[in-house]
PDB file of N, CA and C in Angstrom:
ATOM      1  N   MET A   1      68.300 -75.882 138.214  1.00  0.00           N
ATOM      2  CA  MET A   1      67.356 -76.952 138.308  1.00  0.00           C
ATOM      3  C   MET A   1      68.010 -78.233 138.837  1.00  0.00           C
ATOM      4  N   GLU A   2      69.281 -78.416 138.514  1.00  0.00           N
ATOM      5  CA  GLU A   2      69.986 -79.585 139.046  1.00  0.00           C
ATOM      6  C   GLU A   2      70.085 -79.514 140.567  1.00  0.00           C
ATOM      7  N   ARG A   3      70.470 -78.351 141.077  1.00  0.00           N
ATOM      8  CA  ARG A   3      70.608 -78.187 142.525  1.00  0.00           C
ATOM      9  C   ARG A   3      69.278 -78.359 143.258  1.00  0.00           C
ATOM     10  N   ALA A   4      68.189 -77.971 142.621  1.00  0.00           N
ATOM     11  CA  ALA A   4      66.862 -78.091 143.225  1.00  0.00           C
ATOM     12  C   ALA A   4      66.306 -79.510 143.119  1.00  0.00           C
ATOM     13  N   GLY A   5      66.999 -80.380 142.373  1.00  0.00           N
ATOM     14  CA  GLY A   5      66.545 -81.762 142.240  1.00  0.00           C
ATOM     15  C   GLY A   5      65.500 -81.972 141.168  1.00  0.00           C
ATOM     16  N   VAL A   6      65.221 -80.943 140.368  1.00  0.00           N
ATOM     17  CA  VAL A   6      64.258 -81.073 139.276  1.00  0.00           C
ATOM     18  C   VAL A   6      64.861 -81.924 138.164  1.00  0.00           C
ATOM     19  N   ILE A   7      66.098 -81.653 137.797  1.00  0.00           N
ATOM     20  CA  ILE A   7      66.817 -82.476 136.828  1.00  0.00           C
ATOM     21  C   ILE A   7      67.580 -83.522 137.621  1.00  0.00           C
ATOM     22  N   ARG A   8      67.222 -84.790 137.424  1.00  0.00           N
ATOM     23  CA  ARG A   8      67.836 -85.885 138.180  1.00  0.00           C
ATOM     24  C   ARG A   8      69.030 -86.498 137.462  1.00  0.00           C
ATOM     25  N   GLY A   9      69.192 -86.249 136.173  1.00  0.00           N
ATOM     26  CA  GLY A   9      70.318 -86.815 135.457  1.00  0.00           C
ATOM     27  C   GLY A   9      70.155 -86.629 133.963  1.00  0.00           C
ATOM     28  N   TYR A  10      71.109 -87.159 133.232  1.00  0.00           N
ATOM     29  CA  TYR A  10      71.118 -87.068 131.783  1.00  0.00           C
ATOM     30  C   TYR A  10      71.227 -88.474 131.225  1.00  0.00           C
ATOM     31  N   THR A  11      70.685 -88.678 130.027  1.00  0.00           N
ATOM     32  CA  THR A  11      70.654 -89.999 129.429  1.00  0.00           C
ATOM     33  C   THR A  11      71.225 -89.959 128.023  1.00  0.00           C
ATOM     34  N   ALA A  12      72.063 -90.927 127.716  1.00  0.00           N
ATOM     35  CA  ALA A  12      72.536 -91.108 126.347  1.00  0.00           C
ATOM     36  C   ALA A  12      71.527 -91.998 125.631  1.00  0.00           C
ATOM     37  N   VAL A  13      71.172 -91.633 124.401  1.00  0.00           N
ATOM     38  CA  VAL A  13      70.261 -92.442 123.604  1.00  0.00           C
ATOM     39  C   VAL A  13      71.112 -93.343 122.716  1.00  0.00           C
ATOM     40  N   ILE A  14      71.020 -94.659 122.970  1.00  0.00           N
ATOM     41  CA  ILE A  14      71.853 -95.630 122.261  1.00  0.00           C
ATOM     42  C   ILE A  14      71.067 -96.249 121.122  1.00  0.00           C
ATOM     43  N   GLU A  15      71.661 -96.313 119.944  1.00  0.00           N
ATOM     44  CA  GLU A  15      71.069 -97.006 118.808  1.00  0.00           C
ATOM     45  C   GLU A  15      71.464 -98.471 118.942  1.00  0.00           C
ATOM     46  N   ASP A  16      70.531 -99.284 119.472  1.00  0.00           N
ATOM     47  CA  ASP A  16      70.831-100.673 119.800  1.00  0.00           C
ATOM     48  C   ASP A  16      71.372-101.469 118.626  1.00  0.00           C
ATOM     49  N   SER A  17      70.794-101.284 117.441  1.00  0.00           N
ATOM     50  CA  SER A  17      71.241-102.078 116.298  1.00  0.00           C
ATOM     51  C   SER A  17      72.698-101.775 115.945  1.00  0.00           C
ATOM     52  N   ARG A  18      73.116-100.538 116.107  1.00  0.00           N
ATOM     53  CA  ARG A  18      74.507-100.184 115.831  1.00  0.00           C
ATOM     54  C   ARG A  18      75.448-100.645 116.931  1.00  0.00           C
ATOM     55  N   ALA A  19      74.918-100.748 118.143  1.00  0.00           N
ATOM     56  CA  ALA A  19      75.735-101.187 119.277  1.00  0.00           C
ATOM     57  C   ALA A  19      75.733-102.705 119.412  1.00  0.00           C
ATOM     58  N   GLY A  20      74.994-103.387 118.530  1.00  0.00           N
ATOM     59  CA  GLY A  20      74.922-104.836 118.595  1.00  0.00           C
ATOM     60  C   GLY A  20      74.130-105.322 119.797  1.00  0.00           C
ATOM     61  N   MET A  21      73.111-104.563 120.204  1.00  0.00           N
ATOM     62  CA  MET A  21      72.309-104.916 121.372  1.00  0.00           C
ATOM     63  C   MET A  21      70.871-105.194 120.950  1.00  0.00           C
ATOM     64  N   LEU A  22      70.177-105.868 121.846  1.00  0.00           N
ATOM     65  CA  LEU A  22      68.777-106.224 121.652  1.00  0.00           C
ATOM     66  C   LEU A  22      68.029-105.854 122.925  1.00  0.00           C
ATOM     67  N   GLN A  23      66.839-105.278 122.784  1.00  0.00           N
ATOM     68  CA  GLN A  23      66.015-104.975 123.954  1.00  0.00           C
ATOM     69  C   GLN A  23      64.786-105.867 123.944  1.00  0.00           C
ATOM     70  N   ALA A  24      64.286-106.147 125.137  1.00  0.00           N
ATOM     71  CA  ALA A  24      63.083-106.970 125.263  1.00  0.00           C
ATOM     72  C   ALA A  24      62.334-106.581 126.521  1.00  0.00           C
ATOM     73  N   PHE A  25      61.062-106.947 126.551  1.00  0.00           N
ATOM     74  CA  PHE A  25      60.242-106.858 127.748  1.00  0.00           C
ATOM     75  C   PHE A  25      59.943-108.275 128.198  1.00  0.00           C
ATOM     76  N   ILE A  26      59.936-108.487 129.492  1.00  0.00           N
ATOM     77  CA  ILE A  26      59.501-109.757 130.056  1.00  0.00           C
ATOM     78  C   ILE A  26      58.383-109.456 131.040  1.00  0.00           C
ATOM     79  N   GLU A  27      57.214-110.045 130.791  1.00  0.00           N
ATOM     80  CA  GLU A  27      56.138-110.005 131.772  1.00  0.00           C
ATOM     81  C   GLU A  27      56.384-111.149 132.745  1.00  0.00           C
ATOM     82  N   ILE A  28      56.232-110.887 134.035  1.00  0.00           N
ATOM     83  CA  ILE A  28      56.388-111.970 135.008  1.00  0.00           C
ATOM     84  C   ILE A  28      55.148-112.081 135.887  1.00  0.00           C
ATOM     85  N   ARG A  29      54.835-113.315 136.241  1.00  0.00           N
ATOM     86  CA  ARG A  29      53.807-113.612 137.231  1.00  0.00           C
ATOM     87  C   ARG A  29      54.515-114.241 138.415  1.00  0.00           C
ATOM     88  N   LEU A  30      54.306-113.663 139.587  1.00  0.00           N
ATOM     89  CA  LEU A  30      54.978-114.147 140.787  1.00  0.00           C
ATOM     90  C   LEU A  30      54.146-115.212 141.488  1.00  0.00           C
ATOM     91  N   LEU A  31      54.821-116.056 142.229  1.00  0.00           N
ATOM     92  CA  LEU A  31      54.147-117.045 143.075  1.00  0.00           C
ATOM     93  C   LEU A  31      53.545-116.338 144.274  1.00  0.00           C
ATOM     94  N   GLY A  32      52.334-116.694 144.646  1.00  0.00           N
ATOM     95  CA  GLY A  32      51.717-116.132 145.855  1.00  0.00           C
ATOM     96  C   GLY A  32      51.424-114.659 145.728  1.00  0.00           C
ATOM     97  N   ALA A  33      51.410-113.999 146.876  1.00  0.00           N
ATOM     98  CA  ALA A  33      51.096-112.570 146.921  1.00  0.00           C
ATOM     99  C   ALA A  33      52.226-111.749 146.314  1.00  0.00           C
ATOM    100  N   THR A  34      51.862-110.759 145.542  1.00  0.00           N
ATOM    101  CA  THR A  34      52.837-109.889 144.890  1.00  0.00           C
ATOM    102  C   THR A  34      53.363-108.861 145.873  1.00  0.00           C
ATOM    103  N   ASP A  35      54.645-108.681 145.872  1.00  0.00           N
ATOM    104  CA  ASP A  35      55.291-107.698 146.729  1.00  0.00           C
ATOM    105  C   ASP A  35      56.240-106.886 145.860  1.00  0.00           C
ATOM    106  N   SER A  36      56.055-105.572 145.820  1.00  0.00           N
ATOM    107  CA  SER A  36      56.901-104.738 144.954  1.00  0.00           C
ATOM    108  C   SER A  36      58.374-104.829 145.342  1.00  0.00           C
ATOM    109  N   ASP A  37      58.668-105.112 146.612  1.00  0.00           N
ATOM    110  CA  ASP A  37      60.064-105.287 147.024  1.00  0.00           C
ATOM    111  C   ASP A  37      60.678-106.516 146.362  1.00  0.00           C
ATOM    112  N   GLU A  38      59.882-107.582 146.182  1.00  0.00           N
ATOM    113  CA  GLU A  38      60.384-108.786 145.508  1.00  0.00           C
ATOM    114  C   GLU A  38      60.692-108.501 144.044  1.00  0.00           C
ATOM    115  N   ILE A  39      59.817-107.730 143.396  1.00  0.00           N
ATOM    116  CA  ILE A  39      60.051-107.364 141.997  1.00  0.00           C
ATOM    117  C   ILE A  39      61.324-106.539 141.885  1.00  0.00           C
ATOM    118  N   GLN A  40      61.509-105.593 142.775  1.00  0.00           N
ATOM    119  CA  GLN A  40      62.726-104.778 142.763  1.00  0.00           C
ATOM    120  C   GLN A  40      63.943-105.642 143.053  1.00  0.00           C
ATOM    121  N   GLY A  41      63.820-106.591 143.982  1.00  0.00           N
ATOM    122  CA  GLY A  41      64.936-107.480 144.302  1.00  0.00           C
ATOM    123  C   GLY A  41      65.375-108.313 143.113  1.00  0.00           C
ATOM    124  N   ILE A  42      64.411-108.851 142.365  1.00  0.00           N
ATOM    125  CA  ILE A  42      64.729-109.609 141.153  1.00  0.00           C
ATOM    126  C   ILE A  42      65.461-108.705 140.170  1.00  0.00           C
ATOM    127  N   SER A  43      64.928-107.500 139.989  1.00  0.00           N
ATOM    128  CA  SER A  43      65.504-106.559 139.019  1.00  0.00           C
ATOM    129  C   SER A  43      66.922-106.159 139.391  1.00  0.00           C
ATOM    130  N   GLU A  44      67.155-105.897 140.663  1.00  0.00           N
ATOM    131  CA  GLU A  44      68.492-105.490 141.107  1.00  0.00           C
ATOM    132  C   GLU A  44      69.502-106.625 140.997  1.00  0.00           C
ATOM    133  N   SER A  45      69.033-107.870 141.072  1.00  0.00           N
ATOM    134  CA  SER A  45      69.957-109.008 141.057  1.00  0.00           C
ATOM    135  C   SER A  45      70.403-109.398 139.651  1.00  0.00           C
ATOM    136  N   ILE A  46      69.754-108.870 138.619  1.00  0.00           N
ATOM    137  CA  ILE A  46      70.088-109.219 137.233  1.00  0.00           C
ATOM    138  C   ILE A  46      70.463-107.942 136.499  1.00  0.00           C
ATOM    139  N   PRO A  47      71.744-107.731 136.206  1.00  0.00           N
ATOM    140  CA  PRO A  47      72.204-106.447 135.660  1.00  0.00           C
ATOM    141  C   PRO A  47      71.610-106.073 134.301  1.00  0.00           C
ATOM    142  N   GLU A  48      71.159-107.033 133.525  1.00  0.00           N
ATOM    143  CA  GLU A  48      70.596-106.727 132.208  1.00  0.00           C
ATOM    144  C   GLU A  48      69.228-106.056 132.309  1.00  0.00           C
ATOM    145  N   ILE A  49      68.572-106.155 133.455  1.00  0.00           N
ATOM    146  CA  ILE A  49      67.268-105.514 133.637  1.00  0.00           C
ATOM    147  C   ILE A  49      67.498-104.032 133.903  1.00  0.00           C
ATOM    148  N   GLU A  50      66.953-103.211 133.014  1.00  0.00           N
ATOM    149  CA  GLU A  50      67.135-101.766 133.124  1.00  0.00           C
ATOM    150  C   GLU A  50      65.981-101.076 133.821  1.00  0.00           C
ATOM    151  N   GLU A  51      64.791-101.649 133.748  1.00  0.00           N
ATOM    152  CA  GLU A  51      63.618-101.069 134.389  1.00  0.00           C
ATOM    153  C   GLU A  51      62.707-102.194 134.840  1.00  0.00           C
ATOM    154  N   SER A  52      61.989-101.946 135.925  1.00  0.00           N
ATOM    155  CA  SER A  52      60.911-102.857 136.313  1.00  0.00           C
ATOM    156  C   SER A  52      59.708-102.023 136.690  1.00  0.00           C
ATOM    157  N   HIS A  53      58.542-102.523 136.296  1.00  0.00           N
ATOM    158  CA  HIS A  53      57.296-101.815 136.541  1.00  0.00           C
ATOM    159  C   HIS A  53      56.303-102.797 137.152  1.00  0.00           C
ATOM    160  N   SER A  54      55.772-102.495 138.332  1.00  0.00           N
ATOM    161  CA  SER A  54      54.665-103.267 138.885  1.00  0.00           C
ATOM    162  C   SER A  54      53.436-102.873 138.085  1.00  0.00           C
ATOM    163  N   ILE A  55      52.670-103.866 137.634  1.00  0.00           N
ATOM    164  CA  ILE A  55      51.523-103.574 136.781  1.00  0.00           C
ATOM    165  C   ILE A  55      50.273-104.282 137.274  1.00  0.00           C
ATOM    166  N   ALA A  56      49.128-103.777 136.841  1.00  0.00           N
ATOM    167  CA  ALA A  56      47.847-104.409 137.137  1.00  0.00           C
ATOM    168  C   ALA A  56      47.489-105.334 135.979  1.00  0.00           C
ATOM    169  N   GLY A  57      46.761-106.388 136.266  1.00  0.00           N
ATOM    170  CA  GLY A  57      46.344-107.315 135.219  1.00  0.00           C
ATOM    171  C   GLY A  57      46.771-108.727 135.554  1.00  0.00           C
ATOM    172  N   THR A  58      46.875-109.568 134.529  1.00  0.00           N
ATOM    173  CA  THR A  58      47.217-110.972 134.766  1.00  0.00           C
ATOM    174  C   THR A  58      48.680-111.167 135.136  1.00  0.00           C
ATOM    175  N   SER A  59      49.536-110.239 134.766  1.00  0.00           N
ATOM    176  CA  SER A  59      50.945-110.295 135.155  1.00  0.00           C
ATOM    177  C   SER A  59      51.196-109.334 136.306  1.00  0.00           C
ATOM    178  N   ASP A  60      52.277-109.568 137.041  1.00  0.00           N
ATOM    179  CA  ASP A  60      52.599-108.737 138.199  1.00  0.00           C
ATOM    180  C   ASP A  60      53.592-107.627 137.878  1.00  0.00           C
ATOM    181  N   ALA A  61      54.454-107.865 136.877  1.00  0.00           N
ATOM    182  CA  ALA A  61      55.483-106.868 136.571  1.00  0.00           C
ATOM    183  C   ALA A  61      55.885-106.957 135.114  1.00  0.00           C
ATOM    184  N   LEU A  62      56.429-105.859 134.627  1.00  0.00           N
ATOM    185  CA  LEU A  62      56.978-105.774 133.286  1.00  0.00           C
ATOM    186  C   LEU A  62      58.425-105.317 133.437  1.00  0.00           C
ATOM    187  N   LEU A  63      59.348-106.119 132.923  1.00  0.00           N
ATOM    188  CA  LEU A  63      60.777-105.826 133.014  1.00  0.00           C
ATOM    189  C   LEU A  63      61.292-105.446 131.636  1.00  0.00           C
ATOM    190  N   ARG A  64      62.079-104.375 131.541  1.00  0.00           N
ATOM    191  CA  ARG A  64      62.737-104.016 130.274  1.00  0.00           C
ATOM    192  C   ARG A  64      64.205-104.327 130.423  1.00  0.00           C
ATOM    193  N   LEU A  65      64.747-105.034 129.440  1.00  0.00           N
ATOM    194  CA  LEU A  65      66.156-105.402 129.534  1.00  0.00           C
ATOM    195  C   LEU A  65      66.874-105.213 128.220  1.00  0.00           C
ATOM    196  N   ARG A  66      68.193-105.173 128.318  1.00  0.00           N
ATOM    197  CA  ARG A  66      69.070-105.011 127.154  1.00  0.00           C
ATOM    198  C   ARG A  66      70.083-106.143 127.192  1.00  0.00           C
ATOM    199  N   VAL A  67      70.194-106.871 126.059  1.00  0.00           N
ATOM    200  CA  VAL A  67      71.085-108.029 125.963  1.00  0.00           C
ATOM    201  C   VAL A  67      71.867-107.979 124.654  1.00  0.00           C
ATOM    202  N   ARG A  68      72.878-108.863 124.553  1.00  0.00           N
ATOM    203  CA  ARG A  68      73.708-108.902 123.349  1.00  0.00           C
ATOM    204  C   ARG A  68      72.999-109.543 122.162  1.00  0.00           C
ATOM    205  N   ASP A  69      72.273-110.635 122.424  1.00  0.00           N
ATOM    206  CA  ASP A  69      71.647-111.397 121.350  1.00  0.00           C
ATOM    207  C   ASP A  69      70.590-112.326 121.940  1.00  0.00           C
ATOM    208  N   VAL A  70      69.989-113.156 121.094  1.00  0.00           N
ATOM    209  CA  VAL A  70      68.914-114.038 121.543  1.00  0.00           C
ATOM    210  C   VAL A  70      69.417-115.067 122.557  1.00  0.00           C
ATOM    211  N   ASN A  71      70.628-115.566 122.395  1.00  0.00           N
ATOM    212  CA  ASN A  71      71.178-116.515 123.369  1.00  0.00           C
ATOM    213  C   ASN A  71      71.333-115.866 124.743  1.00  0.00           C
ATOM    214  N   HIS A  72      71.805-114.640 124.756  1.00  0.00           N
ATOM    215  CA  HIS A  72      71.935-113.889 126.011  1.00  0.00           C
ATOM    216  C   HIS A  72      70.551-113.646 126.613  1.00  0.00           C
ATOM    217  N   LEU A  73      69.560-113.346 125.759  1.00  0.00           N
ATOM    218  CA  LEU A  73      68.187-113.168 126.231  1.00  0.00           C
ATOM    219  C   LEU A  73      67.701-114.431 126.943  1.00  0.00           C
ATOM    220  N   GLN A  74      67.967-115.595 126.361  1.00  0.00           N
ATOM    221  CA  GLN A  74      67.546-116.847 126.989  1.00  0.00           C
ATOM    222  C   GLN A  74      68.207-117.032 128.352  1.00  0.00           C
ATOM    223  N   GLN A  75      69.477-116.660 128.461  1.00  0.00           N
ATOM    224  CA  GLN A  75      70.173-116.758 129.750  1.00  0.00           C
ATOM    225  C   GLN A  75      69.506-115.868 130.803  1.00  0.00           C
ATOM    226  N   VAL A  76      69.104-114.665 130.408  1.00  0.00           N
ATOM    227  CA  VAL A  76      68.460-113.746 131.344  1.00  0.00           C
ATOM    228  C   VAL A  76      67.080-114.271 131.745  1.00  0.00           C
ATOM    229  N   ILE A  77      66.318-114.770 130.778  1.00  0.00           N
ATOM    230  CA  ILE A  77      65.008-115.351 131.095  1.00  0.00           C
ATOM    231  C   ILE A  77      65.181-116.499 132.087  1.00  0.00           C
ATOM    232  N   ASN A  78      66.163-117.364 131.855  1.00  0.00           N
ATOM    233  CA  ASN A  78      66.431-118.471 132.780  1.00  0.00           C
ATOM    234  C   ASN A  78      66.779-117.955 134.171  1.00  0.00           C
ATOM    235  N   ALA A  79      67.581-116.884 134.231  1.00  0.00           N
ATOM    236  CA  ALA A  79      67.957-116.312 135.532  1.00  0.00           C
ATOM    237  C   ALA A  79      66.729-115.770 136.262  1.00  0.00           C
ATOM    238  N   VAL A  80      65.829-115.122 135.534  1.00  0.00           N
ATOM    239  CA  VAL A  80      64.591-114.612 136.140  1.00  0.00           C
ATOM    240  C   VAL A  80      63.771-115.770 136.685  1.00  0.00           C
ATOM    241  N   ARG A  81      63.644-116.834 135.906  1.00  0.00           N
ATOM    242  CA  ARG A  81      62.857-117.987 136.328  1.00  0.00           C
ATOM    243  C   ARG A  81      63.482-118.703 137.524  1.00  0.00           C
ATOM    244  N   ARG A  82      64.801-118.693 137.622  1.00  0.00           N
ATOM    245  CA  ARG A  82      65.499-119.383 138.719  1.00  0.00           C
ATOM    246  C   ARG A  82      65.443-118.645 140.047  1.00  0.00           C
ATOM    247  N   THR A  83      64.884-117.460 140.071  1.00  0.00           N
ATOM    248  CA  THR A  83      64.821-116.720 141.338  1.00  0.00           C
ATOM    249  C   THR A  83      63.951-117.434 142.360  1.00  0.00           C
ATOM    250  N   GLY A  84      63.116-118.357 141.917  1.00  0.00           N
ATOM    251  CA  GLY A  84      62.243-119.091 142.821  1.00  0.00           C
ATOM    252  C   GLY A  84      60.973-118.340 143.176  1.00  0.00           C
ATOM    253  N   LYS A  85      60.819-117.147 142.664  1.00  0.00           N
ATOM    254  CA  LYS A  85      59.657-116.319 142.976  1.00  0.00           C
ATOM    255  C   LYS A  85      58.738-116.153 141.772  1.00  0.00           C
ATOM    256  N   VAL A  86      59.174-116.650 140.607  1.00  0.00           N
ATOM    257  CA  VAL A  86      58.454-116.414 139.362  1.00  0.00           C
ATOM    258  C   VAL A  86      57.700-117.672 138.940  1.00  0.00           C
ATOM    259  N   GLU A  87      56.401-117.500 138.738  1.00  0.00           N
ATOM    260  CA  GLU A  87      55.551-118.610 138.310  1.00  0.00           C
ATOM    261  C   GLU A  87      55.555-118.754 136.789  1.00  0.00           C
ATOM    262  N   GLY A  88      55.636-117.638 136.069  1.00  0.00           N
ATOM    263  CA  GLY A  88      55.621-117.691 134.612  1.00  0.00           C
ATOM    264  C   GLY A  88      56.147-116.407 134.004  1.00  0.00           C
ATOM    265  N   THR A  89      56.557-116.520 132.744  1.00  0.00           N
ATOM    266  CA  THR A  89      57.078-115.361 132.012  1.00  0.00           C
ATOM    267  C   THR A  89      56.484-115.320 130.613  1.00  0.00           C
ATOM    268  N   LYS A  90      56.503-114.152 130.030  1.00  0.00           N
ATOM    269  CA  LYS A  90      56.129-113.955 128.630  1.00  0.00           C
ATOM    270  C   LYS A  90      57.085-112.897 128.100  1.00  0.00           C
ATOM    271  N   THR A  91      57.738-113.173 126.982  1.00  0.00           N
ATOM    272  CA  THR A  91      58.803-112.305 126.485  1.00  0.00           C
ATOM    273  C   THR A  91      58.408-111.640 125.175  1.00  0.00           C
ATOM    274  N   PHE A  92      58.770-110.361 125.059  1.00  0.00           N
ATOM    275  CA  PHE A  92      58.523-109.583 123.852  1.00  0.00           C
ATOM    276  C   PHE A  92      59.842-108.958 123.417  1.00  0.00           C
ATOM    277  N   ILE A  93      60.310-109.275 122.218  1.00  0.00           N
ATOM    278  CA  ILE A  93      61.522-108.642 121.684  1.00  0.00           C
ATOM    279  C   ILE A  93      61.122-107.314 121.044  1.00  0.00           C
ATOM    280  N   ILE A  94      61.837-106.261 121.385  1.00  0.00           N
ATOM    281  CA  ILE A  94      61.534-104.923 120.872  1.00  0.00           C
ATOM    282  C   ILE A  94      62.152-104.783 119.481  1.00  0.00           C
ATOM    283  N   MET A  95      61.312-104.491 118.515  1.00  0.00           N
ATOM    284  CA  MET A  95      61.764-104.336 117.131  1.00  0.00           C
ATOM    285  C   MET A  95      62.115-102.880 116.808  1.00  0.00           C
ATOM    286  N   ASN A  96      61.332-101.946 117.362  1.00  0.00           N
ATOM    287  CA  ASN A  96      61.528-100.535 117.079  1.00  0.00           C
ATOM    288  C   ASN A  96      60.963 -99.743 118.257  1.00  0.00           C
ATOM    289  N   THR A  97      61.549 -98.596 118.541  1.00  0.00           N
ATOM    290  CA  THR A  97      61.100 -97.770 119.654  1.00  0.00           C
ATOM    291  C   THR A  97      60.941 -96.329 119.216  1.00  0.00           C
ATOM    292  N   TRP A  98      59.862 -95.730 119.647  1.00  0.00           N
ATOM    293  CA  TRP A  98      59.654 -94.297 119.491  1.00  0.00           C
ATOM    294  C   TRP A  98      59.416 -93.734 120.877  1.00  0.00           C
ATOM    295  N   THR A  99      60.055 -92.624 121.188  1.00  0.00           N
ATOM    296  CA  THR A  99      59.781 -91.909 122.431  1.00  0.00           C
ATOM    297  C   THR A  99      59.786 -90.414 122.140  1.00  0.00           C
ATOM    298  N   ARG A 100      59.128 -89.676 122.980  1.00  0.00           N
ATOM    299  CA  ARG A 100      59.151 -88.221 122.843  1.00  0.00           C
ATOM    300  C   ARG A 100      60.568 -87.682 123.020  1.00  0.00           C
ATOM    301  N   ALA A 101      61.310 -88.301 123.938  1.00  0.00           N
ATOM    302  CA  ALA A 101      62.684 -87.835 124.211  1.00  0.00           C
ATOM    303  C   ALA A 101      63.571 -87.971 122.979  1.00  0.00           C
ATOM    304  N   THR A 102      63.478 -89.111 122.268  1.00  0.00           N
ATOM    305  CA  THR A 102      64.331 -89.283 121.095  1.00  0.00           C
ATOM    306  C   THR A 102      63.867 -88.377 119.951  1.00  0.00           C
ATOM    307  N   GLU A 103      62.557 -88.147 119.867  1.00  0.00           N
ATOM    308  CA  GLU A 103      62.047 -87.237 118.837  1.00  0.00           C
ATOM    309  C   GLU A 103      62.553 -85.819 119.081  1.00  0.00           C
ATOM    310  N   GLN A 104      62.523 -85.391 120.330  1.00  0.00           N
ATOM    311  CA  GLN A 104      62.977 -84.045 120.669  1.00  0.00           C
ATOM    312  C   GLN A 104      64.475 -83.889 120.504  1.00  0.00           C
ATOM    313  N   ALA A 105      65.211 -85.008 120.646  1.00  0.00           N
ATOM    314  CA  ALA A 105      66.663 -84.965 120.479  1.00  0.00           C
ATOM    315  C   ALA A 105      67.059 -85.016 119.008  1.00  0.00           C
ATOM    316  N   GLY A 106      66.066 -85.175 118.114  1.00  0.00           N
ATOM    317  CA  GLY A 106      66.355 -85.224 116.679  1.00  0.00           C
ATOM    318  C   GLY A 106      66.814 -86.596 116.221  1.00  0.00           C
ATOM    319  N   THR A 107      66.542 -87.631 117.007  1.00  0.00           N
ATOM    320  CA  THR A 107      66.933 -88.982 116.634  1.00  0.00           C
ATOM    321  C   THR A 107      65.796 -89.628 115.866  1.00  0.00           C
ATOM    322  N   PRO A 108      66.097 -90.282 114.729  1.00  0.00           N
ATOM    323  CA  PRO A 108      65.014 -90.909 113.942  1.00  0.00           C
ATOM    324  C   PRO A 108      64.377 -92.073 114.671  1.00  0.00           C
TER     325      PRO A 108
END
C-alpha cells in the first residue's frame, strides 16, 4: 500500500500536556478577496501552524497550531496578524481532543 501511494505516512500521537505543549485554533479573516494560496503562504511562513483549512462562513480559514505556552501563542497570533493579509482573528485554546485515530491506537 505504501508503494501504491495509499499510505502516505505515519503519525506519532503526542500527549501535549506531558510534552509541555499547547494546541489552539485560530480563525482568520483576510483582507479583500480570499485566495487559498495566500492562506497556504501564511501557514508555510509560520512553523507553529500545523494545518490550515479554507472554510466557508464569516471566517476565511481555520489554522491549527502547537505552541509551548500562552506567551508563545500570543507571539504566533501577532505573527499571523503582521502578515498584512489578515483583517481579524479569533483564537480557541484546545482543552481536550478526541479522534478516531487515537481511539483506535488505544490512547485515552
